[in-house]
Amino acid sequence: MDFLDPIKQRQHRIRLYVGYVLMVVAISLVSLLLVLQAYGYTFDLQTGAINQNGLVFVDAHPERADVYVNGELKGATDQRLIMPSSKYDISVRRAGYRTWEKTINLLGGKIERLVYPVLFPESLVSRETQLYAEKPVFSTQSPDRRWLIVRQPGAHISFDLVDLNSELATAINLALPPDLFSINGDRHDIDVVEWSTDNRHVVVRHTFDTGTEFVLIDHEAPALSRNLSRNFSGTVFTDVVLRDKRFDRYYLHDRSAQTLMTAELNGQAPVPLLNGVIQFKSHGNDVLLYVASSGAAEGNVAVRIREGDQIYTVKELPVDTSYILDIARFSGRWYVLAGATDDQRMYILRDPVLALRRNPAAKIIPAALLRIEDPQFASFSTNARFVQIQSGSKFVVYDTETARHYRYNTGLELATPQRAVWMDGHRLTLVSNNHVNVFDFDGTNKQELSSAYSSSTPYFNSNYTALYTLSDSQIVGRATLLRTELLVTSNN
């Protein structure tokens, strides 16, 4: 009987132990492989090497398109690609559209979200929607990209309203009160100050022979438009900013006296808020980023944030004639841009107030230091992910999501200092040589689109299916509002 034989019992136990050990090893290996696979690792059977994969999401607008990786078709957008860490050439293609391209360095365990490509038609189809006797010198678009206000050429103060979501884009005259603007003298320059987020009200600055005034235009009910300078006639101010983007609440700033006040359209007299304010930027209802003339080391000014009733000094800058300031919130975090123009150093601060709340004596370390010669303009993208600093055709862009920054020269010829504007959350636009140019945040995929006056701004409708520009008409001596289709159809 084998079960009574001690030798055979010992051999049986040894076989069991070996089996258990082998089973544990096998389970451990399988578990390890599963864990590695979960973290994006793969095992190359030929070389025995372990590689970590990355993940790439690819999408495109305005239509689905084919995705190519290193020239090989990988399917259509909306696409999810798992690939070993390496360098790849990604392209997005669709018949009738220009190809979008990007080279990426995919790192193991990382995600690249290429969900922002926009394909523009290979052949642009444009048509004239409005004619003007001469070049309009003022135009502005509402935040929802639906409404366009154009000052009628040759008139003192007269404006057209255009619905850009309508294919006809018919202009109607804004019947503003005749005494809304001061009409003395021959000079009447109009500049946009700020739109309200109600997409109905816009504040403009009117500069004329004997002074400057601020006017609130209500394009839905023009008769309710107001001259803000007269409304607050007892107060001296040089700048007006909407508070919380509301048309009836304001910050009034006097640059000479360096005073900042709050005011309401139908309220009492403006209320003093801060003194020693050289320059400021507002966000929401109660957040102010400003440069203060006092409270800093000699030769410096203080950059402060006022949040509610609390004031925090977040940075010092050298005294200068002008400063670049901006503040935005992305993915739950605050980002501050601050720099002195002549200093040519722009600082990105991340959550500075949060750090000072935790430790009032903390020294704020910039998240990034961006250098650019002769900085002129700066702005956050519409989704607040990117901040761009511009010097003519040169750009430095900081990505708050990845902490990467990009430095490039578009090579575009600009007739005058021209501010690049964000087409959307990932693209910038400039007019060069009387044509609209669009390029991605990192300077790639630069595309030349329809004609436009160099001093004008390109306007996209709400769903980005059409581009509107002010340009020369085919009729000699006339100007036009040009509509260019961005969606390829069988009729194009």
Protein backbone atom coordinates (compact mmCIF):
# COMPACT_ATOMS: atom_id res chain seq x y z
CA MET A 1 0.00 0.00 0.00
CA ASP A 2 1.63 3.18 -1.23
CA PHE A 3 -0.01 5.42 1.34
CA LEU A 4 1.72 3.41 4.14
CA ASP A 5 5.17 3.62 2.51
CA PRO A 6 7.14 6.53 4.14
CA ILE A 7 9.40 7.00 1.12
CA LYS A 8 6.51 7.25 -1.29
CA GLN A 9 4.71 9.59 1.14
CA ARG A 10 7.74 11.91 1.20
CA GLN A 11 8.01 11.87 -2.63
CA HIS A 12 4.31 12.63 -2.87
CA ARG A 13 4.68 15.62 -0.53
CA ILE A 14 7.66 16.89 -2.51
CA ARG A 15 5.66 16.69 -5.74
CA LEU A 16 2.80 18.59 -4.06
CA TYR A 17 5.14 21.32 -2.76
CA VAL A 18 6.79 21.66 -6.17
CA GLY A 19 3.35 21.90 -7.77
CA TYR A 20 2.30 24.55 -5.25
CA VAL A 21 5.48 26.53 -5.87
CA LEU A 22 5.04 26.31 -9.64
CA MET A 23 1.41 27.34 -9.28
CA VAL A 24 2.35 30.33 -7.12
CA VAL A 25 5.04 31.34 -9.62
CA ALA A 26 2.57 31.02 -12.51
CA ILE A 27 -0.09 33.03 -10.68
CA SER A 28 2.48 35.68 -9.76
CA LEU A 29 3.70 35.95 -13.34
CA VAL A 30 0.16 36.21 -14.68
CA SER A 31 -0.69 38.81 -12.03
CA LEU A 32 2.47 40.76 -12.85
CA LEU A 33 1.65 40.67 -16.56
CA LEU A 34 -1.89 41.83 -15.87
CA VAL A 35 -0.63 44.68 -13.67
CA LEU A 36 1.96 45.69 -16.26
CA GLN A 37 -0.69 45.55 -18.96
CA ALA A 38 -2.98 47.71 -16.84
CA TYR A 39 -0.18 50.28 -16.64
CA GLY A 40 0.39 50.12 -20.38
CA TYR A 41 3.32 47.69 -20.51
CA THR A 42 3.67 45.05 -23.22
CA PHE A 43 6.04 42.12 -23.62
CA ASP A 44 7.87 41.70 -26.92
CA LEU A 45 8.09 37.92 -27.54
CA GLN A 46 10.82 38.34 -30.16
CA THR A 47 13.22 40.55 -28.19
CA GLY A 48 12.07 39.79 -24.65
CA ALA A 49 11.86 43.52 -23.94
CA ILE A 50 9.14 45.11 -21.85
CA ASN A 51 7.74 48.33 -23.32
CA GLN A 52 5.31 50.75 -21.72
CA ASN A 53 2.49 51.98 -23.91
CA GLY A 54 0.96 55.41 -24.10
CA LEU A 55 -2.56 56.40 -25.05
CA VAL A 56 -3.55 58.80 -27.82
CA PHE A 57 -7.04 60.18 -28.34
CA VAL A 58 -7.68 61.72 -31.77
CA ASP A 59 -10.74 63.60 -32.93
CA ALA A 60 -11.46 66.22 -35.59
CA HIS A 61 -13.89 68.95 -36.55
CA PRO A 62 -16.11 69.79 -38.34
CA GLU A 63 -16.47 66.20 -39.61
CA ARG A 64 -15.06 62.73 -38.97
CA ALA A 65 -11.77 62.05 -40.70
CA ASP A 66 -9.14 59.34 -41.17
CA VAL A 67 -6.30 59.02 -38.68
CA TYR A 68 -2.81 58.09 -39.92
CA VAL A 69 0.16 57.15 -37.74
CA ASN A 70 3.52 57.24 -39.50
CA GLY A 71 1.63 57.11 -42.80
CA GLU A 72 -0.45 54.05 -41.84
CA LEU A 73 -4.23 54.28 -41.63
CA LYS A 74 -5.46 53.55 -38.10
CA GLY A 75 -9.17 54.17 -38.52
CA ALA A 76 -11.45 57.18 -38.21
CA THR A 77 -11.91 59.79 -35.53
CA ASP A 78 -13.11 59.61 -32.69
CA GLN A 79 -10.11 57.28 -32.16
CA ARG A 80 -8.35 55.74 -29.16
CA LEU A 81 -4.86 54.43 -29.94
CA ILE A 82 -2.65 52.39 -27.60
CA MET A 83 0.95 52.59 -28.80
CA PRO A 84 4.45 51.91 -27.39
CA SER A 85 6.36 54.94 -26.19
CA SER A 86 8.07 56.49 -29.20
CA LYS A 87 8.01 59.40 -31.62
CA TYR A 88 5.06 59.43 -34.04
CA ASP A 89 3.84 61.49 -36.97
CA ILE A 90 0.05 61.85 -36.64
CA SER A 91 -2.08 63.16 -39.49
CA VAL A 92 -5.82 63.65 -39.84
CA ARG A 93 -7.21 63.61 -43.37
CA ARG A 94 -10.53 63.94 -45.15
CA ALA A 95 -11.30 64.45 -48.83
CA GLY A 96 -11.94 68.11 -49.62
CA TYR A 97 -10.09 69.33 -46.51
CA ARG A 98 -6.51 70.29 -45.74
CA THR A 99 -4.51 67.75 -43.75
CA TRP A 100 -3.82 68.39 -40.08
CA GLU A 101 -0.41 67.12 -38.86
CA LYS A 102 1.51 66.86 -35.62
CA THR A 103 4.61 65.04 -34.38
CA ILE A 104 4.38 63.77 -30.82
CA ASN A 105 6.79 62.13 -28.40
CA LEU A 106 4.55 59.62 -26.67
CA LEU A 107 5.81 58.63 -23.24
CA GLY A 108 4.94 55.37 -21.56
CA GLY A 109 1.95 55.63 -19.27
CA LYS A 110 1.05 59.09 -20.60
CA ILE A 111 -1.98 60.34 -22.52
CA GLU A 112 -1.94 62.66 -25.52
CA ARG A 113 -5.30 64.24 -26.27
CA LEU A 114 -5.36 65.36 -29.89
CA VAL A 115 -9.07 66.07 -29.79
CA TYR A 116 -8.83 69.64 -31.07
CA PRO A 117 -7.81 69.38 -34.79
CA VAL A 118 -9.89 71.54 -37.13
CA LEU A 119 -9.82 70.75 -40.84
CA PHE A 120 -10.20 73.67 -43.22
CA PRO A 121 -11.47 73.28 -46.81
CA GLU A 122 -8.88 72.89 -49.55
CA SER A 123 -10.83 75.29 -51.74
CA LEU A 124 -12.50 78.23 -50.02
CA VAL A 125 -15.90 79.40 -51.20
CA SER A 126 -16.73 82.99 -50.26
CA ARG A 127 -19.54 85.39 -51.03
CA GLU A 128 -20.29 89.01 -50.22
CA THR A 129 -23.13 89.51 -47.75
CA GLN A 130 -23.02 93.28 -47.13
CA LEU A 131 -21.60 96.19 -49.09
CA TYR A 132 -20.17 99.41 -47.67
CA ALA A 133 -19.23 102.60 -49.46
CA GLU A 134 -15.80 102.47 -47.84
CA LYS A 135 -13.78 100.44 -45.35
CA PRO A 136 -15.47 100.10 -41.93
CA VAL A 137 -13.09 101.10 -39.17
CA PHE A 138 -14.88 99.47 -36.22
CA SER A 139 -16.45 96.07 -35.67
CA THR A 140 -16.94 93.79 -32.69
CA GLN A 141 -18.45 90.35 -32.04
CA SER A 142 -20.48 89.08 -29.08
CA PRO A 143 -18.98 86.34 -26.84
CA ASP A 144 -21.37 83.70 -28.24
CA ARG A 145 -20.07 84.58 -31.73
CA ARG A 146 -23.57 85.28 -33.01
CA TRP A 147 -23.81 89.07 -33.19
CA LEU A 148 -21.56 91.43 -35.11
CA ILE A 149 -21.73 95.20 -34.70
CA VAL A 150 -20.19 97.25 -37.53
CA ARG A 151 -19.84 101.01 -37.56
CA GLN A 152 -21.19 102.41 -40.79
CA PRO A 153 -18.44 104.20 -42.73
CA GLY A 154 -18.85 107.91 -43.28
CA ALA A 155 -21.40 108.33 -40.52
CA HIS A 156 -20.60 110.05 -37.23
CA ILE A 157 -22.06 107.44 -34.93
CA SER A 158 -24.17 104.84 -36.70
CA PHE A 159 -23.96 101.06 -36.43
CA ASP A 160 -25.21 97.92 -38.18
CA LEU A 161 -26.15 94.69 -36.39
CA VAL A 162 -25.53 91.39 -38.21
CA ASP A 163 -26.68 87.90 -37.19
CA LEU A 164 -23.70 85.68 -38.13
CA ASN A 165 -25.73 82.50 -37.60
CA SER A 166 -27.92 83.45 -40.53
CA GLU A 167 -26.53 82.50 -43.94
CA LEU A 168 -27.95 85.73 -45.34
CA ALA A 169 -26.15 87.78 -42.65
CA THR A 170 -28.47 90.70 -43.32
CA ALA A 171 -27.50 93.91 -41.54
CA ILE A 172 -30.06 95.99 -39.68
CA ASN A 173 -29.44 99.50 -38.47
CA LEU A 174 -29.13 100.03 -34.72
CA ALA A 175 -31.45 102.93 -34.02
CA LEU A 176 -29.47 104.37 -31.12
CA PRO A 177 -30.70 107.52 -29.35
CA PRO A 178 -29.45 110.58 -31.29
CA ASP A 179 -27.91 112.14 -28.17
CA LEU A 180 -26.17 108.96 -26.97
CA PHE A 181 -22.75 110.08 -28.23
CA SER A 182 -21.17 113.52 -28.18
CA ILE A 183 -21.07 114.69 -31.79
CA ASN A 184 -18.87 117.77 -31.49
CA GLY A 185 -15.92 118.03 -33.84
CA ASP A 186 -14.70 115.88 -36.70
CA ARG A 187 -12.87 113.13 -34.83
CA HIS A 188 -14.98 110.16 -33.71
CA ASP A 189 -12.93 107.04 -32.91
CA ILE A 190 -14.67 104.00 -31.44
CA ASP A 191 -12.92 101.16 -29.58
CA VAL A 192 -14.53 98.14 -27.94
CA VAL A 193 -14.03 97.90 -24.18
CA GLU A 194 -15.92 94.78 -23.14
CA TRP A 195 -19.00 92.68 -23.86
CA SER A 196 -21.33 91.44 -21.19
CA THR A 197 -21.85 87.68 -21.07
CA ASP A 198 -25.54 88.32 -21.81
CA ASN A 199 -24.37 88.86 -25.44
CA ARG A 200 -26.64 91.88 -25.56
CA HIS A 201 -24.65 94.75 -24.05
CA VAL A 202 -21.25 96.08 -25.05
CA VAL A 203 -19.24 98.98 -23.64
CA VAL A 204 -17.34 101.12 -26.16
CA ARG A 205 -14.90 104.00 -25.79
CA HIS A 206 -15.63 107.09 -27.90
CA THR A 207 -12.71 109.44 -28.45
CA PHE A 208 -13.59 112.79 -30.00
CA ASP A 209 -12.02 116.23 -30.46
CA THR A 210 -12.56 117.43 -26.91
CA GLY A 211 -12.43 114.28 -24.83
CA THR A 212 -13.32 110.64 -24.22
CA GLU A 213 -16.55 109.02 -23.11
CA PHE A 214 -17.81 105.51 -22.44
CA VAL A 215 -21.10 104.26 -23.86
CA LEU A 216 -23.14 101.14 -23.12
CA ILE A 217 -24.87 99.83 -26.26
CA ASP A 218 -27.91 97.58 -25.93
CA HIS A 219 -28.36 95.98 -29.35
CA GLU A 220 -31.66 94.29 -28.42
CA ALA A 221 -33.25 97.48 -27.14
CA PRO A 222 -31.14 100.33 -28.58
CA ALA A 223 -33.29 102.98 -26.88
CA LEU A 224 -32.07 101.65 -23.50
CA SER A 225 -28.41 102.33 -24.36
CA ARG A 226 -26.66 104.64 -21.90
CA ASN A 227 -23.81 107.13 -21.89
CA LEU A 228 -21.84 105.94 -18.86
CA SER A 229 -19.70 109.06 -18.64
CA ARG A 230 -22.83 111.15 -18.21
CA ASN A 231 -24.39 108.58 -15.91
CA PHE A 232 -21.38 108.93 -13.56
CA SER A 233 -20.75 112.59 -14.40
CA GLY A 234 -19.68 113.47 -10.89
CA THR A 235 -16.78 110.99 -10.97
CA VAL A 236 -13.44 111.26 -12.78
CA PHE A 237 -12.36 107.98 -14.41
CA THR A 238 -10.28 106.90 -17.38
CA ASP A 239 -11.17 103.20 -17.58
CA VAL A 240 -14.35 101.16 -17.30
CA VAL A 241 -14.47 97.39 -16.70
CA LEU A 242 -17.56 95.26 -16.26
CA ARG A 243 -17.80 93.62 -12.87
CA ASP A 244 -18.58 89.90 -13.20
CA LYS A 245 -19.27 90.65 -16.90
CA ARG A 246 -22.60 92.20 -15.89
CA PHE A 247 -23.73 95.18 -17.94
CA ASP A 248 -25.02 97.10 -14.90
CA ARG A 249 -22.03 96.72 -12.53
CA TYR A 250 -18.64 98.37 -13.07
CA TYR A 251 -15.15 99.07 -11.91
CA LEU A 252 -14.17 102.70 -12.58
CA HIS A 253 -10.44 103.45 -12.62
CA ASP A 254 -8.69 106.81 -12.64
CA ARG A 255 -5.15 106.21 -13.88
CA SER A 256 -3.91 109.63 -12.84
CA ALA A 257 -5.17 109.47 -9.25
CA GLN A 258 -4.66 105.66 -9.15
CA THR A 259 -8.08 105.18 -7.59
CA LEU A 260 -10.43 102.26 -8.22
CA MET A 261 -14.16 102.46 -7.55
CA THR A 262 -17.21 100.26 -7.91
CA ALA A 263 -20.46 101.51 -9.41
CA GLU A 264 -23.89 100.33 -10.48
CA LEU A 265 -25.79 101.63 -13.48
CA ASN A 266 -28.94 102.57 -11.58
CA GLY A 267 -27.38 102.81 -8.15
CA GLN A 268 -25.91 105.53 -5.98
CA ALA A 269 -22.63 107.37 -6.50
CA PRO A 270 -19.54 105.21 -7.18
CA VAL A 271 -17.94 103.74 -4.06
CA PRO A 272 -14.14 103.97 -3.49
CA LEU A 273 -12.53 100.52 -3.37
CA LEU A 274 -8.72 100.77 -3.61
CA ASN A 275 -6.02 103.43 -3.81
CA GLY A 276 -2.63 103.23 -5.48
CA VAL A 277 -3.87 101.04 -8.35
CA ILE A 278 -1.67 101.47 -11.43
CA GLN A 279 -3.24 98.72 -13.55
CA PHE A 280 -5.72 95.94 -12.87
CA LYS A 281 -7.56 92.91 -14.21
CA SER A 282 -10.83 91.58 -12.80
CA HIS A 283 -12.26 88.07 -12.61
CA GLY A 284 -15.79 87.27 -11.55
CA ASN A 285 -17.51 89.32 -8.90
CA ASP A 286 -14.84 89.80 -6.25
CA VAL A 287 -11.39 88.85 -7.57
CA LEU A 288 -9.00 91.60 -8.63
CA LEU A 289 -5.43 91.29 -9.85
CA TYR A 290 -3.66 94.64 -9.73
CA VAL A 291 -0.34 96.45 -9.64
CA ALA A 292 0.01 98.65 -6.55
CA SER A 293 2.33 101.64 -6.39
CA SER A 294 3.13 101.18 -2.69
CA GLY A 295 4.12 98.41 -0.30
CA ALA A 296 7.04 97.02 -2.33
CA ALA A 297 10.82 97.31 -2.12
CA GLU A 298 12.39 100.45 -3.55
CA GLY A 299 12.32 100.39 -7.34
CA ASN A 300 9.55 97.78 -7.36
CA VAL A 301 5.80 97.66 -7.44
CA ALA A 302 3.59 95.07 -5.76
CA VAL A 303 1.36 92.65 -7.63
CA ARG A 304 -1.64 91.91 -5.47
CA ILE A 305 -4.82 89.89 -5.53
CA ARG A 306 -7.92 91.11 -3.75
CA GLU A 307 -10.35 88.30 -3.07
CA GLY A 308 -13.42 89.42 -1.18
CA ASP A 309 -12.07 91.68 1.56
CA GLN A 310 -8.65 89.98 1.72
CA ILE A 311 -5.58 91.30 -0.06
CA TYR A 312 -2.50 89.20 -0.85
CA THR A 313 0.83 90.35 -2.29
CA VAL A 314 1.87 87.61 -4.73
CA LYS A 315 4.81 89.15 -6.59
CA GLU A 316 7.02 92.21 -6.95
CA LEU A 317 7.98 93.66 -10.33
CA PRO A 318 10.38 96.42 -11.34
CA VAL A 319 8.80 99.84 -11.82
CA ASP A 320 7.81 100.26 -15.45
CA THR A 321 5.59 102.36 -17.68
CA SER A 322 3.24 99.45 -18.36
CA TYR A 323 2.56 95.91 -17.17
CA ILE A 324 1.04 92.76 -18.58
CA LEU A 325 -1.57 91.18 -16.30
CA ASP A 326 -4.12 88.43 -16.64
CA ILE A 327 -5.84 85.91 -14.41
CA ALA A 328 -7.90 82.81 -15.20
CA ARG A 329 -9.09 79.57 -13.66
CA PHE A 330 -8.51 76.22 -15.32
CA SER A 331 -9.37 72.79 -13.97
CA GLY A 332 -10.06 74.17 -10.50
CA ARG A 333 -6.76 76.06 -10.20
CA TRP A 334 -5.96 79.76 -10.46
CA TYR A 335 -3.29 80.97 -12.88
CA VAL A 336 -1.84 84.47 -12.80
CA LEU A 337 0.25 86.11 -15.50
CA ALA A 338 2.28 89.14 -14.42
CA GLY A 339 5.24 90.97 -15.86
CA ALA A 340 6.77 94.40 -16.48
CA THR A 341 6.91 95.22 -20.18
CA ASP A 342 10.51 96.48 -20.32
CA ASP A 343 11.72 93.67 -18.05
CA GLN A 344 10.78 91.13 -20.75
CA ARG A 345 10.14 88.45 -18.13
CA MET A 346 6.62 87.14 -17.69
CA TYR A 347 5.77 85.07 -14.61
CA ILE A 348 3.11 82.36 -14.36
CA LEU A 349 1.87 81.86 -10.80
CA ARG A 350 -0.27 78.87 -9.85
CA ASP A 351 -2.71 79.14 -6.92
CA PRO A 352 -0.74 81.94 -5.19
CA VAL A 353 -3.59 82.86 -2.85
CA LEU A 354 -3.99 79.25 -1.71
CA ALA A 355 -0.30 79.09 -0.84
CA LEU A 356 -0.48 82.34 1.14
CA ARG A 357 -3.55 81.19 3.02
CA ARG A 358 -1.65 78.11 4.15
CA ASN A 359 1.45 80.10 5.02
CA PRO A 360 1.22 83.92 4.98
CA ALA A 361 5.03 84.13 4.99
CA ALA A 362 5.41 81.82 1.98
CA LYS A 363 7.46 82.99 -0.97
CA ILE A 364 5.54 82.34 -4.17
CA ILE A 365 7.66 80.36 -6.62
CA PRO A 366 6.51 80.89 -10.23
CA ALA A 367 5.24 77.83 -12.04
CA ALA A 368 6.98 79.18 -15.16
CA LEU A 369 9.19 82.06 -16.24
CA LEU A 370 8.65 83.04 -19.86
CA ARG A 371 11.03 85.40 -21.64
CA ILE A 372 10.09 87.34 -24.74
CA GLU A 373 11.57 90.49 -26.21
CA ASP A 374 9.23 93.50 -26.38
CA PRO A 375 6.03 91.81 -25.12
CA GLN A 376 2.94 93.58 -26.47
CA PHE A 377 -0.16 91.52 -25.75
CA ALA A 378 -1.21 88.53 -23.66
CA SER A 379 -4.39 86.54 -23.18
CA PHE A 380 -5.77 83.25 -21.96
CA SER A 381 -7.49 80.97 -24.48
CA THR A 382 -11.27 80.71 -24.41
CA ASN A 383 -11.03 77.52 -22.35
CA ALA A 384 -8.35 79.12 -20.09
CA ARG A 385 -5.94 76.24 -20.70
CA PHE A 386 -3.33 78.27 -22.60
CA VAL A 387 -1.86 81.71 -22.05
CA GLN A 388 -0.12 83.40 -24.94
CA ILE A 389 2.32 86.30 -24.86
CA GLN A 390 2.83 88.05 -28.16
CA SER A 391 5.52 90.26 -29.64
CA GLY A 392 4.58 90.97 -33.24
CA SER A 393 4.80 87.65 -35.07
CA LYS A 394 6.61 85.96 -32.16
CA PHE A 395 4.81 84.00 -29.44
CA VAL A 396 5.42 82.22 -26.17
CA VAL A 397 2.55 79.96 -25.09
CA TYR A 398 2.21 78.19 -21.76
CA ASP A 399 0.03 75.09 -21.36
CA THR A 400 -1.42 75.03 -17.84
CA GLU A 401 -2.52 71.40 -18.22
CA THR A 402 0.86 69.91 -19.15
CA ALA A 403 3.17 72.68 -17.84
CA ARG A 404 4.82 72.80 -21.28
CA HIS A 405 5.66 76.02 -23.03
CA TYR A 406 6.15 76.74 -26.72
CA ARG A 407 8.24 79.44 -28.35
CA TYR A 408 7.89 80.18 -32.05
CA ASN A 409 7.84 82.82 -34.76
CA THR A 410 4.95 82.60 -37.21
CA GLY A 411 6.89 84.62 -39.77
CA LEU A 412 3.72 86.58 -40.56
CA GLU A 413 4.13 90.15 -41.80
CA LEU A 414 2.01 92.54 -39.76
CA ALA A 415 1.25 96.02 -41.05
CA THR A 416 0.77 97.44 -37.53
CA PRO A 417 0.98 96.03 -34.01
CA GLN A 418 -1.88 93.57 -34.18
CA ARG A 419 -3.28 91.55 -31.31
CA ALA A 420 -3.73 87.85 -32.05
CA VAL A 421 -7.13 86.59 -30.94
CA TRP A 422 -8.14 83.08 -29.96
CA MET A 423 -10.32 81.39 -32.55
CA ASP A 424 -11.25 78.84 -29.88
CA GLY A 425 -9.52 77.02 -27.02
CA HIS A 426 -6.59 75.81 -29.16
CA ARG A 427 -6.06 78.18 -32.13
CA LEU A 428 -4.93 81.75 -32.68
CA THR A 429 -5.71 84.04 -35.61
CA LEU A 430 -3.89 86.98 -37.19
CA VAL A 431 -4.40 88.95 -40.38
CA SER A 432 -1.26 89.17 -42.53
CA ASN A 433 -0.97 90.50 -46.09
CA ASN A 434 -4.74 91.02 -46.10
CA HIS A 435 -5.50 87.34 -45.39
CA VAL A 436 -6.65 85.55 -42.27
CA ASN A 437 -4.09 83.14 -40.82
CA VAL A 438 -4.96 80.45 -38.27
CA PHE A 439 -2.44 78.33 -36.35
CA ASP A 440 -2.47 75.93 -33.41
CA PHE A 441 -1.36 77.03 -29.94
CA ASP A 442 2.11 75.55 -30.56
CA GLY A 443 2.54 77.36 -33.90
CA THR A 444 1.85 74.30 -36.09
CA ASN A 445 -0.76 73.79 -38.81
CA LYS A 446 -0.68 77.39 -40.00
CA GLN A 447 -3.39 77.95 -42.59
CA GLU A 448 -4.12 80.95 -44.81
CA LEU A 449 -7.85 81.54 -45.23
CA SER A 450 -9.96 84.27 -46.81
CA SER A 451 -9.11 87.91 -47.45
CA ALA A 452 -9.49 90.55 -44.73
CA TYR A 453 -8.35 94.06 -43.95
CA SER A 454 -5.14 93.98 -41.94
CA SER A 455 -6.67 96.25 -39.30
CA SER A 456 -9.75 94.04 -38.84
CA THR A 457 -10.53 90.91 -36.85
CA PRO A 458 -11.72 87.54 -38.24
CA TYR A 459 -15.14 86.43 -36.95
CA PHE A 460 -16.36 82.82 -36.78
CA ASN A 461 -20.02 81.96 -36.33
CA SER A 462 -21.29 79.93 -33.37
CA ASN A 463 -20.59 76.45 -34.80
CA TYR A 464 -17.46 77.42 -36.76
CA THR A 465 -19.04 76.55 -40.10
CA ALA A 466 -18.42 80.03 -41.52
CA LEU A 467 -15.80 82.76 -41.30
CA TYR A 468 -16.74 86.43 -41.69
CA THR A 469 -14.24 89.13 -42.63
CA LEU A 470 -14.28 92.76 -43.68
CA SER A 471 -12.51 93.03 -47.01
CA ASP A 472 -12.43 94.75 -50.38
CA SER A 473 -15.41 94.02 -52.57
CA GLN A 474 -15.18 92.91 -56.17
CA ILE A 475 -17.01 96.14 -56.89
CA VAL A 476 -14.32 98.78 -57.22
CA GLY A 477 -14.29 101.30 -54.42
CA ARG A 478 -16.54 99.30 -52.13
CA ALA A 479 -15.96 97.22 -49.02
CA THR A 480 -17.83 94.07 -48.03
CA LEU A 481 -18.63 91.71 -45.21
CA LEU A 482 -17.40 88.42 -46.67
CA ARG A 483 -18.75 85.01 -45.63
CA THR A 484 -16.43 82.04 -46.23
CA GLU A 485 -17.79 78.51 -45.86
CA LEU A 486 -15.74 76.19 -43.64
CA LEU A 487 -17.90 73.11 -44.15
CA VAL A 488 -17.44 71.26 -47.44
CA THR A 489 -20.76 70.36 -49.06
CA SER A 490 -21.70 68.85 -52.39
CA ASN A 491 -22.73 72.30 -53.57
CA ASN A 492 -19.31 73.83 -52.85
